[in-house]
Protein backbone atom coordinates (compact mmCIF):
# COMPACT_ATOMS: atom_id res chain seq x y z
CA MET A 1 -20.05 27.96 49.64
CA ASP A 2 -21.16 29.21 53.08
CA GLN A 3 -21.39 25.60 54.26
CA CYS A 4 -17.90 24.89 53.11
CA VAL A 5 -16.49 27.91 54.97
CA THR A 6 -18.58 27.19 58.05
CA ARG A 7 -17.36 23.49 58.17
CA LEU A 8 -13.68 24.74 57.84
CA TYR A 9 -14.18 27.20 60.60
CA CYS A 10 -15.90 24.79 62.90
CA ASP A 11 -12.95 22.35 62.43
CA ALA A 12 -10.43 25.11 63.24
CA GLU A 13 -12.37 26.20 66.37
CA ALA A 14 -12.56 22.66 67.45
CA TYR A 15 -8.86 22.08 66.90
CA PHE A 16 -7.58 25.31 68.41
CA LYS A 17 -10.49 25.61 71.01
CA LYS A 18 -10.86 29.26 69.99
CA ALA A 19 -13.54 31.17 67.91
CA PHE A 20 -12.64 32.99 64.86
CA PRO A 21 -14.54 35.65 62.98
CA ARG A 22 -16.07 34.52 59.69
CA PRO A 23 -14.61 36.08 56.59
CA THR A 24 -16.46 37.85 53.77
CA ILE A 25 -16.12 36.21 50.39
CA SER A 26 -16.03 38.18 47.03
CA TYR A 27 -15.98 37.02 43.45
CA ARG A 28 -13.67 39.14 41.33
CA LYS A 29 -11.39 38.15 38.43
CA SER A 30 -7.83 38.09 39.69
CA GLY A 31 -5.66 37.11 36.85
CA ARG A 32 -4.68 33.41 37.12
CA ASN A 33 -5.21 33.26 40.93
CA ALA A 34 -8.05 30.86 41.83
CA GLY A 35 -8.34 32.59 45.28
CA THR A 36 -6.67 35.37 47.36
CA ALA A 37 -6.79 36.04 51.08
CA PHE A 38 -6.83 39.54 52.25
CA LEU A 39 -5.56 39.24 55.77
CA HIS A 40 -6.33 42.64 57.20
CA GLN A 41 -9.82 42.66 55.76
CA ASN A 42 -10.67 39.04 56.71
CA ARG A 43 -11.73 38.45 53.19
CA ILE A 44 -11.36 35.80 50.60
CA ASN A 45 -11.73 36.68 46.91
CA LEU A 46 -12.47 33.82 44.47
CA HIS A 47 -11.96 33.90 40.65
CA PRO A 48 -15.61 33.50 39.33
CA ILE A 49 -14.78 31.76 36.13
CA LEU A 50 -12.37 29.43 37.62
CA PHE A 51 -14.80 28.74 40.49
CA VAL A 52 -17.72 27.91 37.99
CA GLU A 53 -15.40 25.61 36.13
CA ASN A 54 -13.81 23.79 39.05
CA LYS A 55 -16.37 23.87 41.85
CA GLN A 56 -15.36 20.55 43.43
CA ALA A 57 -11.57 21.50 43.39
CA PHE A 58 -12.46 24.79 45.05
CA PHE A 59 -14.21 23.19 47.89
CA ASP A 60 -11.60 20.52 48.28
CA ASP A 61 -8.44 22.71 47.87
CA VAL A 62 -8.71 26.37 47.06
CA ILE A 63 -11.14 27.43 49.95
CA PRO A 64 -9.22 25.39 52.59
CA HIS A 65 -6.08 27.09 51.14
CA GLU A 66 -7.28 30.66 51.53
CA VAL A 67 -8.99 30.01 54.92
CA SER A 68 -5.67 28.63 56.22
CA HIS A 69 -4.12 31.99 55.25
CA LEU A 70 -6.70 34.00 57.36
CA LEU A 71 -6.39 31.45 60.18
CA ALA A 72 -2.56 31.53 60.16
CA TYR A 73 -2.59 35.35 60.26
CA GLN A 74 -5.21 35.45 63.15
CA LEU A 75 -3.21 32.87 65.16
CA PHE A 76 0.42 33.67 64.43
CA GLY A 77 0.52 37.25 62.94
CA ARG A 78 2.45 37.92 59.88
CA VAL A 79 4.29 34.79 58.86
CA LYS A 80 5.62 33.32 55.53
CA PRO A 81 2.45 32.91 53.19
CA HIS A 82 3.05 28.95 52.76
CA GLY A 83 5.30 28.59 55.81
CA PRO A 84 5.01 25.94 58.63
CA GLN A 85 2.13 27.63 60.30
CA TRP A 86 0.02 27.59 57.13
CA GLN A 87 0.95 24.01 56.25
CA HIS A 88 0.09 22.96 59.81
CA ILE A 89 -3.33 24.26 59.36
CA MET A 90 -3.77 22.68 55.89
CA VAL A 91 -2.49 19.28 56.93
CA ASP A 92 -3.29 18.79 60.56
CA VAL A 93 -6.50 20.72 60.80
CA PHE A 94 -8.09 20.48 57.43
CA HIS A 95 -6.38 17.22 56.26
CA VAL A 96 -5.66 18.68 52.74
CA PRO A 97 -2.38 18.51 51.05
CA ALA A 98 -0.49 21.80 51.40
CA LYS A 99 -0.37 22.62 47.69
CA THR A 100 0.60 26.12 46.72
CA THR A 101 -0.53 26.12 42.98
CA HIS A 102 -3.28 24.95 41.07
CA ASN A 103 -3.42 23.40 37.59
CA PHE A 104 -6.70 24.60 36.25
CA ASP A 105 -7.41 25.18 32.55
CA LEU A 106 -6.92 28.85 32.03
CA THR A 107 -8.40 28.89 28.41
CA ASN A 108 -11.54 30.84 29.48
CA VAL A 109 -9.52 33.37 31.70
CA GLN A 110 -8.33 36.17 29.66
CA VAL A 111 -5.09 37.57 31.02
CA ASN A 112 -3.06 40.02 29.02
CA THR A 113 0.63 39.10 28.84
CA VAL A 114 4.02 40.29 27.37
CA MET A 115 6.32 37.67 26.01
CA TYR A 116 9.68 37.28 27.62
CA GLN A 117 12.42 34.78 26.77
CA CYS A 118 15.04 32.88 28.47
CA GLY A 119 17.59 30.09 27.71
CA CYS A 120 14.90 27.43 27.17
CA GLY A 121 12.18 29.38 25.43
CA ASP A 122 9.37 31.96 25.62
CA VAL A 123 7.63 32.75 28.84
CA PRO A 124 4.45 34.84 29.11
CA LEU A 125 4.41 37.39 31.88
CA THR A 126 1.29 39.12 33.14
CA LEU A 127 1.07 42.97 32.64
CA ARG A 128 1.51 43.27 36.36
CA ARG A 129 4.95 41.54 36.32
CA HIS A 130 5.80 43.22 33.06
CA ASN A 131 5.37 46.60 34.78
CA LYS A 132 7.54 45.47 37.63
CA VAL A 133 10.35 44.43 35.26
CA ILE A 134 10.10 48.03 33.78
CA LYS A 135 10.67 49.31 37.43
CA GLY A 136 13.70 47.14 37.87
CA THR A 137 12.44 43.67 39.22
CA GLU A 138 14.10 40.65 37.66
CA TYR A 139 12.23 37.24 37.15
CA LEU A 140 14.00 34.01 36.70
CA CYS A 141 12.75 31.16 34.55
CA ARG A 142 11.51 28.30 36.73
CA ARG A 143 13.17 25.70 34.39
CA CYS A 144 16.67 27.16 33.35
CA ASN A 145 17.02 29.76 36.25
CA ASN A 146 18.09 32.36 33.51
CA THR A 147 16.89 36.02 33.90
CA LEU A 148 13.70 36.61 31.68
CA VAL A 149 14.17 39.26 29.16
CA ILE A 150 11.45 40.84 26.94
CA LYS A 151 11.29 39.31 23.61
CA PRO A 152 12.33 41.59 20.76
């Protein structure tokens, strides 16, 4: 793990000709997120179950993805999470496709969900998103673009 992060930072420092502080790394379950970058803390959190089950994909994609978030923040300040600055670091510095989602098997990741529905079928929402709906947030189906409503 440390070697992967060190290699990425060495590549970034050579590219930008600038030193960057190394992040701390934590391993905590975070729903379906494989990784999360905490910009102000200079910290990366990795999902421990998904990491164990997908180590090579984490080294190839997830860790560069999260490191790119930290570097984009340190270089450019607050920018769109997957905007052009982040994409530039992923593609030009790390030579990794700028993918924003993973397709890991989530069978072993227990996530409590609430069933919603739309025009094309049932959609599970996490408890976090369900609570946001209760407070007034609306979510749209990615397939049919209709508003998701709680399943009776």
